[in-house]
PDB file of N, CA and C in Angstrom:
ATOM      1  N   UNK A   1      70.108 150.937  52.382  1.00  0.00           N
ATOM      2  CA  UNK A   1      71.217 150.166  51.885  1.00  0.00           C
ATOM      3  C   UNK A   1      70.726 148.929  51.125  1.00  0.00           C
ATOM      4  N   UNK A   2      69.648 148.351  51.618  1.00  0.00           N
ATOM      5  CA  UNK A   2      69.120 147.163  50.942  1.00  0.00           C
ATOM      6  C   UNK A   2      68.715 147.457  49.504  1.00  0.00           C
ATOM      7  N   UNK A   3      68.144 148.643  49.272  1.00  0.00           N
ATOM      8  CA  UNK A   3      67.720 148.973  47.912  1.00  0.00           C
ATOM      9  C   UNK A   3      68.904 149.313  47.023  1.00  0.00           C
ATOM     10  N   UNK A   4      69.874 150.020  47.564  1.00  0.00           N
ATOM     11  CA  UNK A   4      71.014 150.450  46.761  1.00  0.00           C
ATOM     12  C   UNK A   4      72.013 149.327  46.523  1.00  0.00           C
ATOM     13  N   UNK A   5      72.233 148.485  47.514  1.00  0.00           N
ATOM     14  CA  UNK A   5      73.239 147.432  47.419  1.00  0.00           C
ATOM     15  C   UNK A   5      72.695 146.108  47.958  1.00  0.00           C
ATOM     16  N   UNK A   6      71.636 145.589  47.368  1.00  0.00           N
ATOM     17  CA  UNK A   6      70.988 144.404  47.947  1.00  0.00           C
ATOM     18  C   UNK A   6      71.904 143.189  48.042  1.00  0.00           C
ATOM     19  N   UNK A   7      72.667 142.934  47.008  1.00  0.00           N
ATOM     20  CA  UNK A   7      73.534 141.752  46.992  1.00  0.00           C
ATOM     21  C   UNK A   7      74.617 141.854  48.058  1.00  0.00           C
ATOM     22  N   UNK A   8      75.318 142.995  48.084  1.00  0.00           N
ATOM     23  CA  UNK A   8      76.412 143.152  49.038  1.00  0.00           C
ATOM     24  C   UNK A   8      75.914 143.249  50.471  1.00  0.00           C
ATOM     25  N   UNK A   9      74.759 143.869  50.671  1.00  0.00           N
ATOM     26  CA  UNK A   9      74.175 143.931  52.005  1.00  0.00           C
ATOM     27  C   UNK A   9      73.864 142.527  52.498  1.00  0.00           C
ATOM     28  N   UNK A  10      73.270 141.709  51.659  1.00  0.00           N
ATOM     29  CA  UNK A  10      72.922 140.338  52.039  1.00  0.00           C
ATOM     30  C   UNK A  10      74.168 139.512  52.345  1.00  0.00           C
ATOM     31  N   UNK A  11      75.189 139.641  51.507  1.00  0.00           N
ATOM     32  CA  UNK A  11      76.424 138.887  51.725  1.00  0.00           C
ATOM     33  C   UNK A  11      77.071 139.282  53.048  1.00  0.00           C
ATOM     34  N   UNK A  12      77.225 140.583  53.259  1.00  0.00           N
ATOM     35  CA  UNK A  12      77.868 141.048  54.487  1.00  0.00           C
ATOM     36  C   UNK A  12      77.087 140.620  55.725  1.00  0.00           C
ATOM     37  N   UNK A  13      75.784 140.804  55.697  1.00  0.00           N
ATOM     38  CA  UNK A  13      74.978 140.455  56.861  1.00  0.00           C
ATOM     39  C   UNK A  13      75.050 138.960  57.152  1.00  0.00           C
ATOM     40  N   UNK A  14      74.898 138.148  56.127  1.00  0.00           N
ATOM     41  CA  UNK A  14      74.937 136.695  56.326  1.00  0.00           C
ATOM     42  C   UNK A  14      76.284 136.248  56.878  1.00  0.00           C
ATOM     43  N   UNK A  15      77.367 136.765  56.309  1.00  0.00           N
ATOM     44  CA  UNK A  15      78.701 136.332  56.728  1.00  0.00           C
ATOM     45  C   UNK A  15      79.061 136.844  58.120  1.00  0.00           C
ATOM     46  N   UNK A  16      78.652 138.059  58.437  1.00  0.00           N
ATOM     47  CA  UNK A  16      78.910 138.572  59.785  1.00  0.00           C
ATOM     48  C   UNK A  16      78.105 137.807  60.829  1.00  0.00           C
ATOM     49  N   UNK A  17      76.860 137.488  60.509  1.00  0.00           N
ATOM     50  CA  UNK A  17      76.053 136.707  61.445  1.00  0.00           C
ATOM     51  C   UNK A  17      76.670 135.325  61.656  1.00  0.00           C
ATOM     52  N   UNK A  18      77.179 134.738  60.573  1.00  0.00           N
ATOM     53  CA  UNK A  18      77.781 133.405  60.664  1.00  0.00           C
ATOM     54  C   UNK A  18      79.090 133.439  61.455  1.00  0.00           C
ATOM     55  N   UNK A  19      79.952 134.404  61.163  1.00  0.00           N
ATOM     56  CA  UNK A  19      81.244 134.505  61.855  1.00  0.00           C
ATOM     57  C   UNK A  19      81.079 135.085  63.254  1.00  0.00           C
ATOM     58  N   UNK A  20      80.083 135.942  63.432  1.00  0.00           N
ATOM     59  CA  UNK A  20      79.742 136.560  64.708  1.00  0.00           C
ATOM     60  C   UNK A  20      80.968 137.086  65.466  1.00  0.00           C
ATOM     61  N   UNK A  21      81.608 138.137  64.934  1.00  0.00           N
ATOM     62  CA  UNK A  21      82.857 138.632  65.522  1.00  0.00           C
ATOM     63  C   UNK A  21      82.775 139.082  66.976  1.00  0.00           C
ATOM     64  N   UNK A  22      81.591 139.436  67.459  1.00  0.00           N
ATOM     65  CA  UNK A  22      81.463 139.886  68.846  1.00  0.00           C
ATOM     66  C   UNK A  22      80.776 138.855  69.739  1.00  0.00           C
ATOM     67  N   UNK A  23      80.472 137.682  69.188  1.00  0.00           N
ATOM     68  CA  UNK A  23      79.833 136.610  69.946  1.00  0.00           C
ATOM     69  C   UNK A  23      78.536 137.097  70.589  1.00  0.00           C
ATOM     70  N   UNK A  24      77.643 137.665  69.753  1.00  0.00           N
ATOM     71  CA  UNK A  24      76.388 138.229  70.257  1.00  0.00           C
ATOM     72  C   UNK A  24      75.148 137.671  69.569  1.00  0.00           C
ATOM     73  N   UNK A  25      75.329 136.798  68.591  1.00  0.00           N
ATOM     74  CA  UNK A  25      74.189 136.285  67.826  1.00  0.00           C
ATOM     75  C   UNK A  25      73.587 135.074  68.535  1.00  0.00           C
ATOM     76  N   UNK A  26      72.282 135.145  68.705  1.00  0.00           N
ATOM     77  CA  UNK A  26      71.554 134.026  69.297  1.00  0.00           C
ATOM     78  C   UNK A  26      70.450 133.595  68.342  1.00  0.00           C
ATOM     79  N   UNK A  27      70.104 132.309  68.335  1.00  0.00           N
ATOM     80  CA  UNK A  27      69.064 131.820  67.419  1.00  0.00           C
ATOM     81  C   UNK A  27      67.752 132.581  67.585  1.00  0.00           C
ATOM     82  N   UNK A  28      67.080 132.784  66.476  1.00  0.00           N
ATOM     83  CA  UNK A  28      65.759 133.409  66.426  1.00  0.00           C
ATOM     84  C   UNK A  28      65.735 134.866  66.910  1.00  0.00           C
ATOM     85  N   UNK A  29      66.882 135.512  66.942  1.00  0.00           N
ATOM     86  CA  UNK A  29      66.945 136.933  67.255  1.00  0.00           C
ATOM     87  C   UNK A  29      66.981 137.721  65.961  1.00  0.00           C
ATOM     88  N   UNK A  30      66.655 138.999  66.056  1.00  0.00           N
ATOM     89  CA  UNK A  30      66.800 139.846  64.879  1.00  0.00           C
ATOM     90  C   UNK A  30      68.284 139.974  64.560  1.00  0.00           C
ATOM     91  N   UNK A  31      68.632 140.259  63.328  1.00  0.00           N
ATOM     92  CA  UNK A  31      70.054 140.382  62.966  1.00  0.00           C
ATOM     93  C   UNK A  31      70.758 141.437  63.832  1.00  0.00           C
ATOM     94  N   UNK A  32      71.977 141.129  64.217  1.00  0.00           N
ATOM     95  CA  UNK A  32      72.742 141.996  65.110  1.00  0.00           C
ATOM     96  C   UNK A  32      73.696 142.936  64.378  1.00  0.00           C
ATOM     97  N   UNK A  33      73.936 142.704  63.097  1.00  0.00           N
ATOM     98  CA  UNK A  33      74.999 143.434  62.414  1.00  0.00           C
ATOM     99  C   UNK A  33      74.573 144.395  61.303  1.00  0.00           C
ATOM    100  N   UNK A  34      73.304 144.799  61.184  1.00  0.00           N
ATOM    101  CA  UNK A  34      72.942 145.724  60.102  1.00  0.00           C
ATOM    102  C   UNK A  34      73.701 147.048  60.143  1.00  0.00           C
ATOM    103  N   UNK A  35      73.951 147.575  61.329  1.00  0.00           N
ATOM    104  CA  UNK A  35      74.695 148.837  61.430  1.00  0.00           C
ATOM    105  C   UNK A  35      76.138 148.663  60.963  1.00  0.00           C
ATOM    106  N   UNK A  36      76.712 147.512  61.258  1.00  0.00           N
ATOM    107  CA  UNK A  36      78.084 147.224  60.813  1.00  0.00           C
ATOM    108  C   UNK A  36      78.117 147.126  59.294  1.00  0.00           C
ATOM    109  N   UNK A  37      77.110 146.510  58.717  1.00  0.00           N
ATOM    110  CA  UNK A  37      77.022 146.405  57.257  1.00  0.00           C
ATOM    111  C   UNK A  37      76.953 147.798  56.640  1.00  0.00           C
ATOM    112  N   UNK A  38      76.123 148.663  57.207  1.00  0.00           N
ATOM    113  CA  UNK A  38      76.015 150.034  56.698  1.00  0.00           C
ATOM    114  C   UNK A  38      77.367 150.742  56.769  1.00  0.00           C
ATOM    115  N   UNK A  39      78.047 150.644  57.895  1.00  0.00           N
ATOM    116  CA  UNK A  39      79.358 151.285  58.045  1.00  0.00           C
ATOM    117  C   UNK A  39      80.371 150.713  57.066  1.00  0.00           C
ATOM    118  N   UNK A  40      80.358 149.400  56.879  1.00  0.00           N
ATOM    119  CA  UNK A  40      81.295 148.770  55.947  1.00  0.00           C
ATOM    120  C   UNK A  40      81.054 149.268  54.523  1.00  0.00           C
ATOM    121  N   UNK A  41      79.801 149.375  54.128  1.00  0.00           N
ATOM    122  CA  UNK A  41      79.492 149.866  52.789  1.00  0.00           C
ATOM    123  C   UNK A  41      79.927 151.317  52.617  1.00  0.00           C
ATOM    124  N   UNK A  42      79.777 152.108  53.653  1.00  0.00           N
ATOM    125  CA  UNK A  42      80.247 153.492  53.601  1.00  0.00           C
ATOM    126  C   UNK A  42      81.770 153.516  53.453  1.00  0.00           C
ATOM    127  N   UNK A  43      82.442 152.670  54.215  1.00  0.00           N
ATOM    128  CA  UNK A  43      83.902 152.648  54.177  1.00  0.00           C
ATOM    129  C   UNK A  43      84.467 152.161  52.837  1.00  0.00           C
ATOM    130  N   UNK A  44      83.696 151.363  52.119  1.00  0.00           N
ATOM    131  CA  UNK A  44      84.173 150.910  50.794  1.00  0.00           C
ATOM    132  C   UNK A  44      83.478 151.666  49.662  1.00  0.00           C
ATOM    133  N   UNK A  45      82.882 152.788  49.987  1.00  0.00           N
ATOM    134  CA  UNK A  45      82.164 153.554  48.963  1.00  0.00           C
ATOM    135  C   UNK A  45      83.095 154.050  47.864  1.00  0.00           C
ATOM    136  N   UNK A  46      84.380 154.226  48.165  1.00  0.00           N
ATOM    137  CA  UNK A  46      85.316 154.630  47.114  1.00  0.00           C
ATOM    138  C   UNK A  46      85.520 153.518  46.090  1.00  0.00           C
ATOM    139  N   UNK A  47      85.087 152.322  46.433  1.00  0.00           N
ATOM    140  CA  UNK A  47      85.108 151.185  45.510  1.00  0.00           C
ATOM    141  C   UNK A  47      83.694 150.910  44.987  1.00  0.00           C
ATOM    142  N   UNK A  48      82.838 151.911  45.048  1.00  0.00           N
ATOM    143  CA  UNK A  48      81.437 151.794  44.634  1.00  0.00           C
ATOM    144  C   UNK A  48      80.688 150.749  45.460  1.00  0.00           C
ATOM    145  N   UNK A  49      81.164 150.539  46.697  1.00  0.00           N
ATOM    146  CA  UNK A  49      80.568 149.542  47.603  1.00  0.00           C
ATOM    147  C   UNK A  49      80.472 148.171  46.941  1.00  0.00           C
ATOM    148  N   UNK A  50      81.445 147.885  46.100  1.00  0.00           N
ATOM    149  CA  UNK A  50      81.486 146.617  45.366  1.00  0.00           C
ATOM    150  C   UNK A  50      82.501 145.692  46.036  1.00  0.00           C
ATOM    151  N   UNK A  51      82.006 144.653  46.690  1.00  0.00           N
ATOM    152  CA  UNK A  51      82.879 143.739  47.417  1.00  0.00           C
ATOM    153  C   UNK A  51      83.891 143.040  46.517  1.00  0.00           C
ATOM    154  N   UNK A  52      83.573 142.874  45.257  1.00  0.00           N
ATOM    155  CA  UNK A  52      84.509 142.194  44.357  1.00  0.00           C
ATOM    156  C   UNK A  52      85.736 143.051  44.041  1.00  0.00           C
ATOM    157  N   UNK A  53      85.683 144.337  44.363  1.00  0.00           N
ATOM    158  CA  UNK A  53      86.802 145.238  44.099  1.00  0.00           C
ATOM    159  C   UNK A  53      87.672 145.489  45.336  1.00  0.00           C
ATOM    160  N   UNK A  54      87.286 144.911  46.463  1.00  0.00           N
ATOM    161  CA  UNK A  54      87.987 145.142  47.723  1.00  0.00           C
ATOM    162  C   UNK A  54      88.868 143.938  48.039  1.00  0.00           C
ATOM    163  N   UNK A  55      90.145 144.204  48.321  1.00  0.00           N
ATOM    164  CA  UNK A  55      91.054 143.103  48.662  1.00  0.00           C
ATOM    165  C   UNK A  55      90.694 142.549  50.038  1.00  0.00           C
ATOM    166  N   UNK A  56      91.021 141.292  50.290  1.00  0.00           N
ATOM    167  CA  UNK A  56      90.751 140.723  51.618  1.00  0.00           C
ATOM    168  C   UNK A  56      91.425 141.510  52.749  1.00  0.00           C
ATOM    169  N   UNK A  57      92.620 142.018  52.497  1.00  0.00           N
ATOM    170  CA  UNK A  57      93.320 142.791  53.526  1.00  0.00           C
ATOM    171  C   UNK A  57      92.542 144.063  53.859  1.00  0.00           C
ATOM    172  N   UNK A  58      92.092 144.749  52.833  1.00  0.00           N
ATOM    173  CA  UNK A  58      91.323 145.974  53.068  1.00  0.00           C
ATOM    174  C   UNK A  58      89.994 145.653  53.728  1.00  0.00           C
ATOM    175  N   UNK A  59      89.358 144.589  53.291  1.00  0.00           N
ATOM    176  CA  UNK A  59      88.085 144.192  53.874  1.00  0.00           C
ATOM    177  C   UNK A  59      88.236 143.913  55.368  1.00  0.00           C
ATOM    178  N   UNK A  60      89.329 143.285  55.750  1.00  0.00           N
ATOM    179  CA  UNK A  60      89.567 143.018  57.170  1.00  0.00           C
ATOM    180  C   UNK A  60      89.666 144.332  57.953  1.00  0.00           C
ATOM    181  N   UNK A  61      90.409 145.298  57.425  1.00  0.00           N
ATOM    182  CA  UNK A  61      90.525 146.608  58.082  1.00  0.00           C
ATOM    183  C   UNK A  61      89.165 147.304  58.144  1.00  0.00           C
ATOM    184  N   UNK A  62      88.409 147.210  57.066  1.00  0.00           N
ATOM    185  CA  UNK A  62      87.077 147.824  57.018  1.00  0.00           C
ATOM    186  C   UNK A  62      86.167 147.221  58.085  1.00  0.00           C
ATOM    187  N   UNK A  63      86.196 145.896  58.223  1.00  0.00           N
ATOM    188  CA  UNK A  63      85.342 145.255  59.211  1.00  0.00           C
ATOM    189  C   UNK A  63      85.736 145.644  60.631  1.00  0.00           C
ATOM    190  N   UNK A  64      87.035 145.699  60.912  1.00  0.00           N
ATOM    191  CA  UNK A  64      87.474 146.142  62.244  1.00  0.00           C
ATOM    192  C   UNK A  64      86.974 147.558  62.525  1.00  0.00           C
ATOM    193  N   UNK A  65      87.106 148.449  61.549  1.00  0.00           N
ATOM    194  CA  UNK A  65      86.672 149.837  61.722  1.00  0.00           C
ATOM    195  C   UNK A  65      85.157 149.919  61.892  1.00  0.00           C
ATOM    196  N   UNK A  66      84.418 149.203  61.066  1.00  0.00           N
ATOM    197  CA  UNK A  66      82.955 149.223  61.152  1.00  0.00           C
ATOM    198  C   UNK A  66      82.478 148.678  62.495  1.00  0.00           C
ATOM    199  N   UNK A  67      83.092 147.611  62.954  1.00  0.00           N
ATOM    200  CA  UNK A  67      82.727 147.048  64.258  1.00  0.00           C
ATOM    201  C   UNK A  67      83.037 148.029  65.384  1.00  0.00           C
ATOM    202  N   UNK A  68      84.182 148.680  65.300  1.00  0.00           N
ATOM    203  CA  UNK A  68      84.563 149.659  66.329  1.00  0.00           C
ATOM    204  C   UNK A  68      83.592 150.836  66.348  1.00  0.00           C
ATOM    205  N   UNK A  69      83.195 151.304  65.174  1.00  0.00           N
ATOM    206  CA  UNK A  69      82.254 152.431  65.107  1.00  0.00           C
ATOM    207  C   UNK A  69      80.902 152.074  65.713  1.00  0.00           C
ATOM    208  N   UNK A  70      80.474 150.845  65.515  1.00  0.00           N
ATOM    209  CA  UNK A  70      79.134 150.457  65.964  1.00  0.00           C
ATOM    210  C   UNK A  70      79.089 149.935  67.395  1.00  0.00           C
ATOM    211  N   UNK A  71      80.142 149.261  67.833  1.00  0.00           N
ATOM    212  CA  UNK A  71      80.091 148.618  69.139  1.00  0.00           C
ATOM    213  C   UNK A  71      81.106 149.171  70.136  1.00  0.00           C
ATOM    214  N   UNK A  72      82.149 149.835  69.661  1.00  0.00           N
ATOM    215  CA  UNK A  72      83.121 150.434  70.561  1.00  0.00           C
ATOM    216  C   UNK A  72      83.945 149.452  71.368  1.00  0.00           C
ATOM    217  N   UNK A  73      83.976 148.219  70.929  1.00  0.00           N
ATOM    218  CA  UNK A  73      84.794 147.221  71.615  1.00  0.00           C
ATOM    219  C   UNK A  73      85.416 146.299  70.572  1.00  0.00           C
ATOM    220  N   UNK A  74      86.565 145.731  70.893  1.00  0.00           N
ATOM    221  CA  UNK A  74      87.237 144.889  69.896  1.00  0.00           C
ATOM    222  C   UNK A  74      86.517 143.556  69.699  1.00  0.00           C
ATOM    223  N   UNK A  75      86.521 143.073  68.476  1.00  0.00           N
ATOM    224  CA  UNK A  75      85.924 141.762  68.209  1.00  0.00           C
ATOM    225  C   UNK A  75      86.875 140.653  68.642  1.00  0.00           C
ATOM    226  N   UNK A  76      86.377 139.441  68.624  1.00  0.00           N
ATOM    227  CA  UNK A  76      87.242 138.298  68.879  1.00  0.00           C
ATOM    228  C   UNK A  76      88.167 138.152  67.667  1.00  0.00           C
ATOM    229  N   UNK A  77      89.453 138.157  67.923  1.00  0.00           N
ATOM    230  CA  UNK A  77      90.473 138.257  66.870  1.00  0.00           C
ATOM    231  C   UNK A  77      90.301 137.258  65.729  1.00  0.00           C
ATOM    232  N   UNK A  78      90.044 136.007  66.016  1.00  0.00           N
ATOM    233  CA  UNK A  78      89.978 134.989  64.966  1.00  0.00           C
ATOM    234  C   UNK A  78      88.699 135.066  64.138  1.00  0.00           C
ATOM    235  N   UNK A  79      87.701 135.771  64.623  1.00  0.00           N
ATOM    236  CA  UNK A  79      86.410 135.782  63.928  1.00  0.00           C
ATOM    237  C   UNK A  79      86.352 136.765  62.761  1.00  0.00           C
ATOM    238  N   UNK A  80      87.128 137.834  62.819  1.00  0.00           N
ATOM    239  CA  UNK A  80      87.110 138.784  61.703  1.00  0.00           C
ATOM    240  C   UNK A  80      87.736 138.166  60.459  1.00  0.00           C
ATOM    241  N   UNK A  81      88.919 137.536  60.553  1.00  0.00           N
ATOM    242  CA  UNK A  81      89.436 136.861  59.357  1.00  0.00           C
ATOM    243  C   UNK A  81      88.482 135.778  58.834  1.00  0.00           C
ATOM    244  N   UNK A  82      87.776 135.119  59.752  1.00  0.00           N
ATOM    245  CA  UNK A  82      86.783 134.116  59.328  1.00  0.00           C
ATOM    246  C   UNK A  82      85.668 134.790  58.523  1.00  0.00           C
ATOM    247  N   UNK A  83      85.202 135.943  58.979  1.00  0.00           N
ATOM    248  CA  UNK A  83      84.178 136.682  58.240  1.00  0.00           C
ATOM    249  C   UNK A  83      84.701 137.097  56.870  1.00  0.00           C
ATOM    250  N   UNK A  84      85.939 137.564  56.812  1.00  0.00           N
ATOM    251  CA  UNK A  84      86.546 137.958  55.533  1.00  0.00           C
ATOM    252  C   UNK A  84      86.582 136.763  54.583  1.00  0.00           C
ATOM    253  N   UNK A  85      86.976 135.611  55.075  1.00  0.00           N
ATOM    254  CA  UNK A  85      87.014 134.407  54.235  1.00  0.00           C
ATOM    255  C   UNK A  85      85.623 134.041  53.720  1.00  0.00           C
ATOM    256  N   UNK A  86      84.628 134.110  54.582  1.00  0.00           N
ATOM    257  CA  UNK A  86      83.253 133.805  54.163  1.00  0.00           C
ATOM    258  C   UNK A  86      82.785 134.782  53.088  1.00  0.00           C
ATOM    259  N   UNK A  87      83.061 136.064  53.290  1.00  0.00           N
ATOM    260  CA  UNK A  87      82.649 137.083  52.320  1.00  0.00           C
ATOM    261  C   UNK A  87      83.354 136.862  50.994  1.00  0.00           C
ATOM    262  N   UNK A  88      84.644 136.620  51.042  1.00  0.00           N
ATOM    263  CA  UNK A  88      85.426 136.393  49.825  1.00  0.00           C
ATOM    264  C   UNK A  88      84.912 135.185  49.053  1.00  0.00           C
ATOM    265  N   UNK A  89      84.576 134.110  49.779  1.00  0.00           N
ATOM    266  CA  UNK A  89      84.024 132.905  49.132  1.00  0.00           C
ATOM    267  C   UNK A  89      82.672 133.202  48.485  1.00  0.00           C
ATOM    268  N   UNK A  90      81.804 133.924  49.178  1.00  0.00           N
ATOM    269  CA  UNK A  90      80.493 134.295  48.619  1.00  0.00           C
ATOM    270  C   UNK A  90      80.652 135.120  47.335  1.00  0.00           C
ATOM    271  N   UNK A  91      81.520 136.097  47.392  1.00  0.00           N
ATOM    272  CA  UNK A  91      81.726 136.974  46.228  1.00  0.00           C
ATOM    273  C   UNK A  91      82.267 136.171  45.057  1.00  0.00           C
ATOM    274  N   UNK A  92      83.213 135.275  45.319  1.00  0.00           N
ATOM    275  CA  UNK A  92      83.785 134.449  44.257  1.00  0.00           C
ATOM    276  C   UNK A  92      82.738 133.531  43.648  1.00  0.00           C
ATOM    277  N   UNK A  93      81.909 132.923  44.483  1.00  0.00           N
ATOM    278  CA  UNK A  93      80.868 132.036  43.981  1.00  0.00           C
ATOM    279  C   UNK A  93      79.835 132.771  43.141  1.00  0.00           C
ATOM    280  N   UNK A  94      79.466 133.964  43.553  1.00  0.00           N
ATOM    281  CA  UNK A  94      78.438 134.720  42.824  1.00  0.00           C
ATOM    282  C   UNK A  94      78.954 135.331  41.547  1.00  0.00           C
ATOM    283  N   UNK A  95      80.263 135.486  41.428  1.00  0.00           N
ATOM    284  CA  UNK A  95      80.804 136.106  40.215  1.00  0.00           C
ATOM    285  C   UNK A  95      81.105 135.068  39.136  1.00  0.00           C
ATOM    286  N   UNK A  96      80.886 133.809  39.420  1.00  0.00           N
ATOM    287  CA  UNK A  96      81.142 132.753  38.427  1.00  0.00           C
ATOM    288  C   UNK A  96      80.023 132.660  37.433  1.00  0.00           C
TER     289      UNK A  96
END
């Protein structure tokens, strides 16, 4: 995924680690969300895995689904919208 979608992989991983929807990230640990990033990219593949083409509403649904596929438990409700906001801000900044 890093080779095919380096920019989007980096954005998703950074924002998920920052928002930490499952409250599992600890300092100096390896990243906890690479599998979620892979699932999210698969789920938005109909949009060419291009985050700039995905609406925030769809992105929120995608993240819930990706988290469920990888962890099998619900995330903390307020953290997924926070991740969506972070991702949306990153995409907007990079497209300027």
